[in-house]
Amino acid sequence: MERRPLGNTGFSIAPLIFGGNVFGWTADEHMSYRLMDEFTDAGFNMIDTADTYTVRVPGNTGGDSERLIGKWLQRSGKRGQVVIATKVGGTLSEEKKGLKKDYILRQVEESLRNLQTDHIDLYQSHYDDLDTPIEETLEAFTELVKSGKVRAIGASNITVDRLADSIITSEDNDFAIYQTLQPEYNLFDRERYETEFEQFALINKIAVIPYFALASGFLTGKYRTKQDIQGSSRAKYLEKYFTDRGARILKALDDVAAQYNSKPATVALAWLLTRPGITAPIASATNPDQLKDMMAAASLKLDKGDLEILNAASA
């Protein structure tokens, strides 16, 4: 399995990250364990989650995904083989949110307990907190890195200006520096990343690990019309994709996939792996067949003609 450096974190990862947002939601405990076993047995080695997953699911309290991963780490004995990434800063409640120093230092302890580990490999700010000084947030992360509870830090859902300010602040104060960026980026949602972040990430050697790599499942081809999403847990995320452009993209994915006896999801992820600055996309699966299609992207090499078809459809 090809390994890619995760920016300047010191970690090397396979070119696909399992998104843990499904654990405890659309994948139950038994299935979550099975998926993580099959993913890592195939040579992949990074799982991404957040302390807020799955707080919005009725009956859940948040931290559910972290707890399932923690149980699996204990069952499997694979902690030393897997890079574990989680996030802080999302809203668990009105009292538990944001990136203030005291909150980060408290919340990391909860994530460590949930994950049943003594350190987090990549700790990320989930959402930017405009009410908290950048210095305060980075000071907290620096304390965690120095203590050994966190190995490296990254950012998600942040503007490029705030990311730049954060890096300058870290350099000026000898704070830990954001080494990874987790933006929304896929074959449909291209514009913001490519116009705002791509060059900045390349120049600053920031590893980009995009989320919604399959556009909430739209790029799998499972959802072709609005009728297809009725009753789906992902309906609110999918509505925006039912446009003429969305249809063109699905047609292009179908055409390219047919050439390789492959699947649209595999092609969509393989396309991301050719994009400048992308270290590994984050994608989720809720059953073994979906996982197989997802993992196949790591070995699918698209030629120039395939890329031209996909780029033209999604331009």
C-alpha atoms as a PDB file:
ATOM      1  CA  MET A   1       0.000   0.000   0.000  1.00  0.00           C
ATOM      2  CA  GLU A   2       1.328   3.378  -1.028  1.00  0.00           C
ATOM      3  CA  ARG A   3       1.979   5.681   1.936  1.00  0.00           C
ATOM      4  CA  ARG A   4       1.995   9.453   1.732  1.00  0.00           C
ATOM      5  CA  PRO A   5       3.489  11.869   4.274  1.00  0.00           C
ATOM      6  CA  LEU A   6       0.768  13.635   6.268  1.00  0.00           C
ATOM      7  CA  GLY A   7       2.316  17.058   5.823  1.00  0.00           C
ATOM      8  CA  ASN A   8       4.964  17.695   8.453  1.00  0.00           C
ATOM      9  CA  THR A   9       3.238  15.638  11.157  1.00  0.00           C
ATOM     10  CA  GLY A  10       5.737  12.795  10.910  1.00  0.00           C
ATOM     11  CA  PHE A  11       2.991  10.323  10.018  1.00  0.00           C
ATOM     12  CA  SER A  12       2.730   8.422   6.753  1.00  0.00           C
ATOM     13  CA  ILE A  13      -0.725   7.295   5.721  1.00  0.00           C
ATOM     14  CA  ALA A  14      -2.392   5.249   3.026  1.00  0.00           C
ATOM     15  CA  PRO A  15      -4.173   7.468   0.480  1.00  0.00           C
ATOM     16  CA  LEU A  16      -7.645   7.116   1.976  1.00  0.00           C
ATOM     17  CA  ILE A  17      -9.050   7.995   5.407  1.00  0.00           C
ATOM     18  CA  PHE A  18     -12.110   6.382   6.951  1.00  0.00           C
ATOM     19  CA  GLY A  19     -14.635   9.001   8.076  1.00  0.00           C
ATOM     20  CA  GLY A  20     -16.030   7.981  11.451  1.00  0.00           C
ATOM     21  CA  ASN A  21     -19.162  10.120  11.237  1.00  0.00           C
ATOM     22  CA  VAL A  22     -21.195   6.990  10.426  1.00  0.00           C
ATOM     23  CA  PHE A  23     -20.179   5.052  13.540  1.00  0.00           C
ATOM     24  CA  GLY A  24     -23.136   4.863  15.914  1.00  0.00           C
ATOM     25  CA  TRP A  25     -25.384   6.450  13.298  1.00  0.00           C
ATOM     26  CA  THR A  26     -25.844   4.662   9.969  1.00  0.00           C
ATOM     27  CA  ALA A  27     -23.398   1.911  10.977  1.00  0.00           C
ATOM     28  CA  ASP A  28     -24.235   0.141  14.237  1.00  0.00           C
ATOM     29  CA  GLU A  29     -21.634  -1.145  16.677  1.00  0.00           C
ATOM     30  CA  HIS A  30     -21.156  -4.540  15.062  1.00  0.00           C
ATOM     31  CA  MET A  31     -20.900  -3.102  11.555  1.00  0.00           C
ATOM     32  CA  SER A  32     -18.559  -0.327  12.700  1.00  0.00           C
ATOM     33  CA  TYR A  33     -16.124  -2.893  14.101  1.00  0.00           C
ATOM     34  CA  ARG A  34     -16.313  -4.957  10.923  1.00  0.00           C
ATOM     35  CA  LEU A  35     -15.670  -1.957   8.680  1.00  0.00           C
ATOM     36  CA  MET A  36     -12.667  -0.801  10.705  1.00  0.00           C
ATOM     37  CA  ASP A  37     -11.246  -4.318  10.686  1.00  0.00           C
ATOM     38  CA  GLU A  38     -11.614  -4.697   6.918  1.00  0.00           C
ATOM     39  CA  PHE A  39     -10.247  -1.206   6.268  1.00  0.00           C
ATOM     40  CA  THR A  40      -7.105  -1.715   8.328  1.00  0.00           C
ATOM     41  CA  ASP A  41      -6.609  -5.331   7.236  1.00  0.00           C
ATOM     42  CA  ALA A  42      -6.435  -3.987   3.658  1.00  0.00           C
ATOM     43  CA  GLY A  43      -3.504  -1.752   4.631  1.00  0.00           C
ATOM     44  CA  PHE A  44      -5.255   1.552   5.286  1.00  0.00           C
ATOM     45  CA  ASN A  45      -4.228   3.226   8.501  1.00  0.00           C
ATOM     46  CA  MET A  46      -6.075   6.445   9.365  1.00  0.00           C
ATOM     47  CA  ILE A  47      -9.504   7.053  10.911  1.00  0.00           C
ATOM     48  CA  ASP A  48     -11.027  10.501  11.361  1.00  0.00           C
ATOM     49  CA  THR A  49     -13.760  11.382  13.853  1.00  0.00           C
ATOM     50  CA  ALA A  50     -14.928  14.244  16.085  1.00  0.00           C
ATOM     51  CA  ASP A  51     -16.139  14.710  19.628  1.00  0.00           C
ATOM     52  CA  THR A  52     -19.545  15.881  18.357  1.00  0.00           C
ATOM     53  CA  TYR A  53     -20.324  12.768  16.293  1.00  0.00           C
ATOM     54  CA  THR A  54     -23.246  11.859  16.567  1.00  0.00           C
ATOM     55  CA  VAL A  55     -24.818  14.475  18.827  1.00  0.00           C
ATOM     56  CA  ARG A  56     -27.671  15.277  16.437  1.00  0.00           C
ATOM     57  CA  VAL A  57     -28.870  11.672  16.206  1.00  0.00           C
ATOM     58  CA  PRO A  58     -31.883  11.071  18.478  1.00  0.00           C
ATOM     59  CA  GLY A  59     -30.820   9.142  21.561  1.00  0.00           C
ATOM     60  CA  ASN A  60     -27.128   9.986  21.159  1.00  0.00           C
ATOM     61  CA  THR A  61     -25.135  12.463  23.212  1.00  0.00           C
ATOM     62  CA  GLY A  62     -22.051  13.104  21.089  1.00  0.00           C
ATOM     63  CA  GLY A  63     -18.787  11.255  21.477  1.00  0.00           C
ATOM     64  CA  ASP A  64     -20.517   8.122  20.197  1.00  0.00           C
ATOM     65  CA  SER A  65     -18.152   7.657  17.267  1.00  0.00           C
ATOM     66  CA  GLU A  66     -15.107   8.195  19.477  1.00  0.00           C
ATOM     67  CA  ARG A  67     -16.388   5.609  21.953  1.00  0.00           C
ATOM     68  CA  LEU A  68     -16.929   2.989  19.252  1.00  0.00           C
ATOM     69  CA  ILE A  69     -13.443   3.601  17.888  1.00  0.00           C
ATOM     70  CA  GLY A  70     -12.037   3.312  21.404  1.00  0.00           C
ATOM     71  CA  LYS A  71     -13.760  -0.015  21.972  1.00  0.00           C
ATOM     72  CA  TRP A  72     -12.516  -1.254  18.617  1.00  0.00           C
ATOM     73  CA  LEU A  73      -8.938  -0.199  19.398  1.00  0.00           C
ATOM     74  CA  GLN A  74      -9.064  -2.247  22.583  1.00  0.00           C
ATOM     75  CA  ARG A  75     -10.664  -5.252  20.864  1.00  0.00           C
ATOM     76  CA  SER A  76      -8.344  -5.216  17.879  1.00  0.00           C
ATOM     77  CA  GLY A  77      -5.061  -4.274  19.545  1.00  0.00           C
ATOM     78  CA  LYS A  78      -4.321  -2.060  16.544  1.00  0.00           C
ATOM     79  CA  ARG A  79      -3.668   1.266  18.298  1.00  0.00           C
ATOM     80  CA  GLY A  80      -0.025   1.260  17.249  1.00  0.00           C
ATOM     81  CA  GLN A  81      -0.946   0.657  13.607  1.00  0.00           C
ATOM     82  CA  VAL A  82      -3.571   3.371  13.191  1.00  0.00           C
ATOM     83  CA  VAL A  83      -3.396   7.165  12.994  1.00  0.00           C
ATOM     84  CA  ILE A  84      -6.349   8.492  14.986  1.00  0.00           C
ATOM     85  CA  ALA A  85      -7.666  11.969  14.227  1.00  0.00           C
ATOM     86  CA  THR A  86     -10.424  13.720  16.122  1.00  0.00           C
ATOM     87  CA  LYS A  87     -11.722  17.264  16.463  1.00  0.00           C
ATOM     88  CA  VAL A  88     -12.745  19.811  19.071  1.00  0.00           C
ATOM     89  CA  GLY A  89     -14.794  22.983  18.764  1.00  0.00           C
ATOM     90  CA  GLY A  90     -18.094  21.771  17.406  1.00  0.00           C
ATOM     91  CA  THR A  91     -21.273  22.285  19.422  1.00  0.00           C
ATOM     92  CA  LEU A  92     -22.105  19.565  21.928  1.00  0.00           C
ATOM     93  CA  SER A  93     -24.300  21.951  23.922  1.00  0.00           C
ATOM     94  CA  GLU A  94     -24.505  25.655  24.688  1.00  0.00           C
ATOM     95  CA  GLU A  95     -21.884  25.116  27.396  1.00  0.00           C
ATOM     96  CA  LYS A  96     -19.664  22.758  25.427  1.00  0.00           C
ATOM     97  CA  LYS A  97     -18.398  24.354  22.220  1.00  0.00           C
ATOM     98  CA  GLY A  98     -15.736  26.650  20.808  1.00  0.00           C
ATOM     99  CA  LEU A  99     -11.969  26.912  21.007  1.00  0.00           C
ATOM    100  CA  LYS A 100     -11.253  28.634  24.311  1.00  0.00           C
ATOM    101  CA  LYS A 101      -8.181  27.298  26.057  1.00  0.00           C
ATOM    102  CA  ASP A 102      -9.915  25.962  29.158  1.00  0.00           C
ATOM    103  CA  TYR A 103     -12.514  24.167  27.067  1.00  0.00           C
ATOM    104  CA  ILE A 104      -9.938  22.521  24.787  1.00  0.00           C
ATOM    105  CA  LEU A 105      -7.913  21.330  27.786  1.00  0.00           C
ATOM    106  CA  ARG A 106     -11.038  19.826  29.358  1.00  0.00           C
ATOM    107  CA  GLN A 107     -12.477  18.369  26.196  1.00  0.00           C
ATOM    108  CA  VAL A 108      -9.290  16.592  25.140  1.00  0.00           C
ATOM    109  CA  GLU A 109      -9.537  14.523  28.323  1.00  0.00           C
ATOM    110  CA  GLU A 110     -13.016  13.398  27.321  1.00  0.00           C
ATOM    111  CA  SER A 111     -11.841  12.445  23.849  1.00  0.00           C
ATOM    112  CA  LEU A 112      -8.898  10.511  25.299  1.00  0.00           C
ATOM    113  CA  ARG A 113     -11.282   8.584  27.573  1.00  0.00           C
ATOM    114  CA  ASN A 114     -13.672   7.908  24.721  1.00  0.00           C
ATOM    115  CA  LEU A 115     -10.884   6.689  22.445  1.00  0.00           C
ATOM    116  CA  GLN A 116      -9.260   4.675  25.274  1.00  0.00           C
ATOM    117  CA  THR A 117      -5.833   5.985  24.370  1.00  0.00           C
ATOM    118  CA  ASP A 118      -3.171   8.145  26.008  1.00  0.00           C
ATOM    119  CA  HIS A 119      -2.636  10.344  22.950  1.00  0.00           C
ATOM    120  CA  ILE A 120      -4.402  11.686  19.861  1.00  0.00           C
ATOM    121  CA  ASP A 121      -2.336  11.599  16.698  1.00  0.00           C
ATOM    122  CA  LEU A 122      -4.039  14.529  14.956  1.00  0.00           C
ATOM    123  CA  TYR A 123      -6.189  16.957  16.960  1.00  0.00           C
ATOM    124  CA  GLN A 124      -8.144  19.392  14.815  1.00  0.00           C
ATOM    125  CA  SER A 125     -10.150  22.541  15.372  1.00  0.00           C
ATOM    126  CA  HIS A 126     -13.526  21.491  14.005  1.00  0.00           C
ATOM    127  CA  TYR A 127     -14.947  24.978  13.395  1.00  0.00           C
ATOM    128  CA  ASP A 128     -13.236  28.323  13.697  1.00  0.00           C
ATOM    129  CA  ASP A 129     -14.159  30.342  16.799  1.00  0.00           C
ATOM    130  CA  LEU A 130     -14.193  34.043  16.008  1.00  0.00           C
ATOM    131  CA  ASP A 131     -14.937  34.909  19.639  1.00  0.00           C
ATOM    132  CA  THR A 132     -11.667  33.431  20.890  1.00  0.00           C
ATOM    133  CA  PRO A 133      -8.244  34.942  20.132  1.00  0.00           C
ATOM    134  CA  ILE A 134      -6.130  32.798  17.838  1.00  0.00           C
ATOM    135  CA  GLU A 135      -3.315  32.988  20.384  1.00  0.00           C
ATOM    136  CA  GLU A 136      -5.482  31.444  23.098  1.00  0.00           C
ATOM    137  CA  THR A 137      -6.491  28.484  20.941  1.00  0.00           C
ATOM    138  CA  LEU A 138      -2.963  27.796  19.738  1.00  0.00           C
ATOM    139  CA  GLU A 139      -1.571  28.112  23.250  1.00  0.00           C
ATOM    140  CA  ALA A 140      -3.917  25.335  24.345  1.00  0.00           C
ATOM    141  CA  PHE A 141      -2.909  23.096  21.443  1.00  0.00           C
ATOM    142  CA  THR A 142       0.761  23.779  22.165  1.00  0.00           C
ATOM    143  CA  GLU A 143       0.370  22.668  25.779  1.00  0.00           C
ATOM    144  CA  LEU A 144      -1.222  19.442  24.583  1.00  0.00           C
ATOM    145  CA  VAL A 145       1.579  18.761  22.103  1.00  0.00           C
ATOM    146  CA  LYS A 146       4.253  19.455  24.726  1.00  0.00           C
ATOM    147  CA  SER A 147       2.495  17.156  27.196  1.00  0.00           C
ATOM    148  CA  GLY A 148       2.395  14.310  24.670  1.00  0.00           C
ATOM    149  CA  LYS A 149      -1.384  14.078  24.700  1.00  0.00           C
ATOM    150  CA  VAL A 150      -1.489  15.298  21.082  1.00  0.00           C
ATOM    151  CA  ARG A 151       1.069  14.585  18.367  1.00  0.00           C
ATOM    152  CA  ALA A 152       0.035  17.164  15.729  1.00  0.00           C
ATOM    153  CA  ILE A 153      -2.715  19.680  15.073  1.00  0.00           C
ATOM    154  CA  GLY A 154      -4.878  20.597  12.098  1.00  0.00           C
ATOM    155  CA  ALA A 155      -7.803  22.807  11.130  1.00  0.00           C
ATOM    156  CA  SER A 156     -11.178  22.289   9.493  1.00  0.00           C
ATOM    157  CA  ASN A 157     -13.889  24.718   8.403  1.00  0.00           C
ATOM    158  CA  ILE A 158     -11.641  27.778   8.499  1.00  0.00           C
ATOM    159  CA  THR A 159     -11.077  30.599   6.026  1.00  0.00           C
ATOM    160  CA  VAL A 160      -7.741  30.872   4.301  1.00  0.00           C
ATOM    161  CA  ASP A 161      -7.148  34.275   5.934  1.00  0.00           C
ATOM    162  CA  ARG A 162      -7.686  32.851   9.416  1.00  0.00           C
ATOM    163  CA  LEU A 163      -5.509  29.879   8.572  1.00  0.00           C
ATOM    164  CA  ALA A 164      -2.741  32.221   7.434  1.00  0.00           C
ATOM    165  CA  ASP A 165      -3.105  34.310  10.596  1.00  0.00           C
ATOM    166  CA  SER A 166      -2.908  31.154  12.685  1.00  0.00           C
ATOM    167  CA  ILE A 167       0.300  30.021  11.014  1.00  0.00           C
ATOM    168  CA  ILE A 168       1.897  33.463  11.473  1.00  0.00           C
ATOM    169  CA  THR A 169       0.823  33.488  15.128  1.00  0.00           C
ATOM    170  CA  SER A 170       2.374  30.064  15.669  1.00  0.00           C
ATOM    171  CA  GLU A 171       5.637  31.097  14.043  1.00  0.00           C
ATOM    172  CA  ASP A 172       5.823  34.339  16.032  1.00  0.00           C
ATOM    173  CA  ASN A 173       5.102  32.674  19.385  1.00  0.00           C
ATOM    174  CA  ASP A 174       6.744  29.262  18.916  1.00  0.00           C
ATOM    175  CA  PHE A 175       3.322  27.608  19.109  1.00  0.00           C
ATOM    176  CA  ALA A 176       2.310  24.333  17.500  1.00  0.00           C
ATOM    177  CA  ILE A 177       1.412  24.889  13.841  1.00  0.00           C
ATOM    178  CA  TYR A 178      -1.578  23.596  11.907  1.00  0.00           C
ATOM    179  CA  GLN A 179      -0.118  20.856   9.694  1.00  0.00           C
ATOM    180  CA  THR A 180      -3.321  19.675   8.051  1.00  0.00           C
ATOM    181  CA  LEU A 181      -6.411  21.226   6.519  1.00  0.00           C
ATOM    182  CA  GLN A 182      -9.783  19.498   6.265  1.00  0.00           C
ATOM    183  CA  PRO A 183     -12.006  21.389   3.779  1.00  0.00           C
ATOM    184  CA  GLU A 184     -15.092  20.289   1.877  1.00  0.00           C
ATOM    185  CA  TYR A 185     -13.876  19.172  -1.544  1.00  0.00           C
ATOM    186  CA  ASN A 186     -15.125  16.734  -4.134  1.00  0.00           C
ATOM    187  CA  LEU A 187     -15.879  16.500  -7.850  1.00  0.00           C
ATOM    188  CA  PHE A 188     -18.989  18.670  -7.410  1.00  0.00           C
ATOM    189  CA  ASP A 189     -17.813  21.071  -4.674  1.00  0.00           C
ATOM    190  CA  ARG A 190     -14.629  22.344  -6.301  1.00  0.00           C
ATOM    191  CA  GLU A 191     -14.656  26.103  -6.489  1.00  0.00           C
ATOM    192  CA  ARG A 192     -13.891  27.194  -2.939  1.00  0.00           C
ATOM    193  CA  TYR A 193     -10.987  24.825  -2.359  1.00  0.00           C
ATOM    194  CA  GLU A 194      -9.395  25.346  -5.753  1.00  0.00           C
ATOM    195  CA  THR A 195      -9.664  29.148  -5.702  1.00  0.00           C
ATOM    196  CA  GLU A 196      -8.975  29.839  -2.012  1.00  0.00           C
ATOM    197  CA  PHE A 197      -6.972  27.013  -0.488  1.00  0.00           C
ATOM    198  CA  GLU A 198      -5.119  24.993  -3.099  1.00  0.00           C
ATOM    199  CA  GLN A 199      -2.125  27.260  -3.707  1.00  0.00           C
ATOM    200  CA  PHE A 200      -1.891  28.270  -0.053  1.00  0.00           C
ATOM    201  CA  ALA A 201      -1.742  24.632   1.029  1.00  0.00           C
ATOM    202  CA  LEU A 202       0.888  23.787  -1.570  1.00  0.00           C
ATOM    203  CA  ILE A 203       3.097  26.755  -0.693  1.00  0.00           C
ATOM    204  CA  ASN A 204       2.880  26.068   3.036  1.00  0.00           C
ATOM    205  CA  LYS A 205       3.182  22.277   2.692  1.00  0.00           C
ATOM    206  CA  ILE A 206      -0.103  21.682   4.489  1.00  0.00           C
ATOM    207  CA  ALA A 207      -1.588  18.217   4.057  1.00  0.00           C
ATOM    208  CA  VAL A 208      -5.134  18.446   2.712  1.00  0.00           C
ATOM    209  CA  ILE A 209      -7.565  15.736   3.841  1.00  0.00           C
ATOM    210  CA  PRO A 210     -10.946  16.753   2.401  1.00  0.00           C
ATOM    211  CA  TYR A 211     -14.270  15.711   3.886  1.00  0.00           C
ATOM    212  CA  PHE A 212     -17.494  14.972   1.967  1.00  0.00           C
ATOM    213  CA  ALA A 213     -15.230  13.402  -0.652  1.00  0.00           C
ATOM    214  CA  LEU A 214     -18.266  11.621  -2.106  1.00  0.00           C
ATOM    215  CA  ALA A 215     -20.606  14.609  -1.675  1.00  0.00           C
ATOM    216  CA  SER A 216     -22.640  12.907   1.059  1.00  0.00           C
ATOM    217  CA  GLY A 217     -23.086   9.873  -1.179  1.00  0.00           C
ATOM    218  CA  PHE A 218     -24.242  11.718  -4.308  1.00  0.00           C
ATOM    219  CA  LEU A 219     -21.109  10.750  -6.238  1.00  0.00           C
ATOM    220  CA  THR A 220     -21.751   7.054  -5.618  1.00  0.00           C
ATOM    221  CA  GLY A 221     -24.592   7.282  -8.129  1.00  0.00           C
ATOM    222  CA  LYS A 222     -27.060   5.893  -5.617  1.00  0.00           C
ATOM    223  CA  TYR A 223     -29.158   9.052  -5.709  1.00  0.00           C
ATOM    224  CA  ARG A 224     -30.238  10.091  -9.194  1.00  0.00           C
ATOM    225  CA  THR A 225     -33.404  12.074  -8.444  1.00  0.00           C
ATOM    226  CA  LYS A 226     -34.916  13.877  -5.484  1.00  0.00           C
ATOM    227  CA  GLN A 227     -37.286  10.963  -5.094  1.00  0.00           C
ATOM    228  CA  ASP A 228     -34.300   8.747  -4.325  1.00  0.00           C
ATOM    229  CA  ILE A 229     -33.473  10.700  -1.156  1.00  0.00           C
ATOM    230  CA  GLN A 230     -36.912  10.600   0.411  1.00  0.00           C
ATOM    231  CA  GLY A 231     -36.514   9.153   3.891  1.00  0.00           C
ATOM    232  CA  SER A 232     -32.720   9.165   3.662  1.00  0.00           C
ATOM    233  CA  SER A 233     -30.755  10.333   6.704  1.00  0.00           C
ATOM    234  CA  ARG A 234     -28.612  12.342   4.280  1.00  0.00           C
ATOM    235  CA  ALA A 235     -31.464  14.098   2.472  1.00  0.00           C
ATOM    236  CA  LYS A 236     -30.666  17.593   3.762  1.00  0.00           C
ATOM    237  CA  TYR A 237     -27.095  17.303   2.498  1.00  0.00           C
ATOM    238  CA  LEU A 238     -28.039  15.941  -0.923  1.00  0.00           C
ATOM    239  CA  GLU A 239     -30.674  18.355  -2.208  1.00  0.00           C
ATOM    240  CA  LYS A 240     -28.176  20.845  -3.644  1.00  0.00           C
ATOM    241  CA  TYR A 241     -26.679  18.287  -6.023  1.00  0.00           C
ATOM    242  CA  PHE A 242     -29.756  17.725  -8.185  1.00  0.00           C
ATOM    243  CA  THR A 243     -28.845  20.167 -10.932  1.00  0.00           C
ATOM    244  CA  ASP A 244     -27.926  19.867 -14.604  1.00  0.00           C
ATOM    245  CA  ARG A 245     -24.293  20.024 -13.600  1.00  0.00           C
ATOM    246  CA  GLY A 246     -24.816  17.256 -11.046  1.00  0.00           C
ATOM    247  CA  ALA A 247     -26.367  15.087 -13.752  1.00  0.00           C
ATOM    248  CA  ARG A 248     -23.398  15.762 -16.070  1.00  0.00           C
ATOM    249  CA  ILE A 249     -20.987  14.728 -13.356  1.00  0.00           C
ATOM    250  CA  LEU A 250     -22.831  11.462 -12.708  1.00  0.00           C
ATOM    251  CA  LYS A 251     -22.863  10.728 -16.448  1.00  0.00           C
ATOM    252  CA  ALA A 252     -19.112  11.311 -16.639  1.00  0.00           C
ATOM    253  CA  LEU A 253     -18.520   9.081 -13.614  1.00  0.00           C
ATOM    254  CA  ASP A 254     -20.646   6.344 -15.177  1.00  0.00           C
ATOM    255  CA  ASP A 255     -18.732   6.582 -18.462  1.00  0.00           C
ATOM    256  CA  VAL A 256     -15.284   6.469 -16.871  1.00  0.00           C
ATOM    257  CA  ALA A 257     -16.274   3.731 -14.429  1.00  0.00           C
ATOM    258  CA  ALA A 258     -17.526   1.555 -17.303  1.00  0.00           C
ATOM    259  CA  GLN A 259     -14.083   1.644 -18.915  1.00  0.00           C
ATOM    260  CA  TYR A 260     -12.530   0.089 -15.811  1.00  0.00           C
ATOM    261  CA  ASN A 261     -15.422  -2.159 -14.768  1.00  0.00           C
ATOM    262  CA  SER A 262     -15.445   0.060 -11.701  1.00  0.00           C
ATOM    263  CA  LYS A 263     -17.950   2.137  -9.722  1.00  0.00           C
ATOM    264  CA  PRO A 264     -18.687   5.887  -9.701  1.00  0.00           C
ATOM    265  CA  ALA A 265     -17.576   6.184  -6.065  1.00  0.00           C
ATOM    266  CA  THR A 266     -14.231   4.589  -6.887  1.00  0.00           C
ATOM    267  CA  VAL A 267     -13.663   6.958  -9.797  1.00  0.00           C
ATOM    268  CA  ALA A 268     -14.699  10.038  -7.785  1.00  0.00           C
ATOM    269  CA  LEU A 269     -12.165   9.219  -5.070  1.00  0.00           C
ATOM    270  CA  ALA A 270      -9.460   8.323  -7.600  1.00  0.00           C
ATOM    271  CA  TRP A 271      -9.995  11.751  -9.211  1.00  0.00           C
ATOM    272  CA  LEU A 272      -9.391  13.431  -5.841  1.00  0.00           C
ATOM    273  CA  LEU A 273      -6.131  11.531  -5.459  1.00  0.00           C
ATOM    274  CA  THR A 274      -4.836  13.216  -8.616  1.00  0.00           C
ATOM    275  CA  ARG A 275      -5.563  16.740  -7.384  1.00  0.00           C
ATOM    276  CA  PRO A 276      -2.739  19.076  -6.304  1.00  0.00           C
ATOM    277  CA  GLY A 277      -2.083  19.073  -2.577  1.00  0.00           C
ATOM    278  CA  ILE A 278      -4.515  16.300  -1.683  1.00  0.00           C
ATOM    279  CA  THR A 279      -2.919  13.785   0.669  1.00  0.00           C
ATOM    280  CA  ALA A 280      -5.940  11.569   1.262  1.00  0.00           C
ATOM    281  CA  PRO A 281      -9.687  12.107   0.994  1.00  0.00           C
ATOM    282  CA  ILE A 282     -11.984  11.191   3.866  1.00  0.00           C
ATOM    283  CA  ALA A 283     -14.845   8.886   2.922  1.00  0.00           C
ATOM    284  CA  SER A 284     -17.343   6.771   4.819  1.00  0.00           C
ATOM    285  CA  ALA A 285     -19.001   3.432   4.203  1.00  0.00           C
ATOM    286  CA  THR A 286     -21.866   1.744   6.003  1.00  0.00           C
ATOM    287  CA  ASN A 287     -21.455  -1.764   4.586  1.00  0.00           C
ATOM    288  CA  PRO A 288     -18.646  -3.942   3.181  1.00  0.00           C
ATOM    289  CA  ASP A 289     -19.658  -3.436  -0.464  1.00  0.00           C
ATOM    290  CA  GLN A 290     -19.410   0.335  -0.130  1.00  0.00           C
ATOM    291  CA  LEU A 291     -16.082  -0.058   1.636  1.00  0.00           C
ATOM    292  CA  LYS A 292     -14.729  -2.257  -1.160  1.00  0.00           C
ATOM    293  CA  ASP A 293     -15.657   0.368  -3.766  1.00  0.00           C
ATOM    294  CA  MET A 294     -14.067   3.071  -1.629  1.00  0.00           C
ATOM    295  CA  MET A 295     -10.788   1.213  -1.082  1.00  0.00           C
ATOM    296  CA  ALA A 296     -10.458   0.363  -4.782  1.00  0.00           C
ATOM    297  CA  ALA A 297      -9.752   4.045  -5.473  1.00  0.00           C
ATOM    298  CA  ALA A 298      -6.247   3.675  -4.063  1.00  0.00           C
ATOM    299  CA  SER A 299      -5.252   1.405  -6.947  1.00  0.00           C
ATOM    300  CA  LEU A 300      -7.263   2.982  -9.783  1.00  0.00           C
ATOM    301  CA  LYS A 301      -5.030   5.063 -12.016  1.00  0.00           C
ATOM    302  CA  LEU A 302      -7.006   7.429 -14.209  1.00  0.00           C
ATOM    303  CA  ASP A 303      -5.396   8.492 -17.487  1.00  0.00           C
ATOM    304  CA  LYS A 304      -5.320  11.975 -18.967  1.00  0.00           C
ATOM    305  CA  GLY A 305      -8.408  11.367 -21.070  1.00  0.00           C
ATOM    306  CA  ASP A 306     -10.423  10.212 -18.061  1.00  0.00           C
ATOM    307  CA  LEU A 307      -9.419  13.301 -16.108  1.00  0.00           C
ATOM    308  CA  GLU A 308     -10.385  15.557 -19.002  1.00  0.00           C
ATOM    309  CA  ILE A 309     -13.862  13.979 -19.107  1.00  0.00           C
ATOM    310  CA  LEU A 310     -14.347  14.438 -15.357  1.00  0.00           C
ATOM    311  CA  ASN A 311     -12.957  17.954 -15.291  1.00  0.00           C
ATOM    312  CA  ALA A 312     -15.084  19.074 -18.214  1.00  0.00           C
ATOM    313  CA  ALA A 313     -18.270  17.709 -16.652  1.00  0.00           C
ATOM    314  CA  SER A 314     -17.562  19.311 -13.291  1.00  0.00           C
ATOM    315  CA  ALA A 315     -16.104  22.610 -14.516  1.00  0.00           C
END
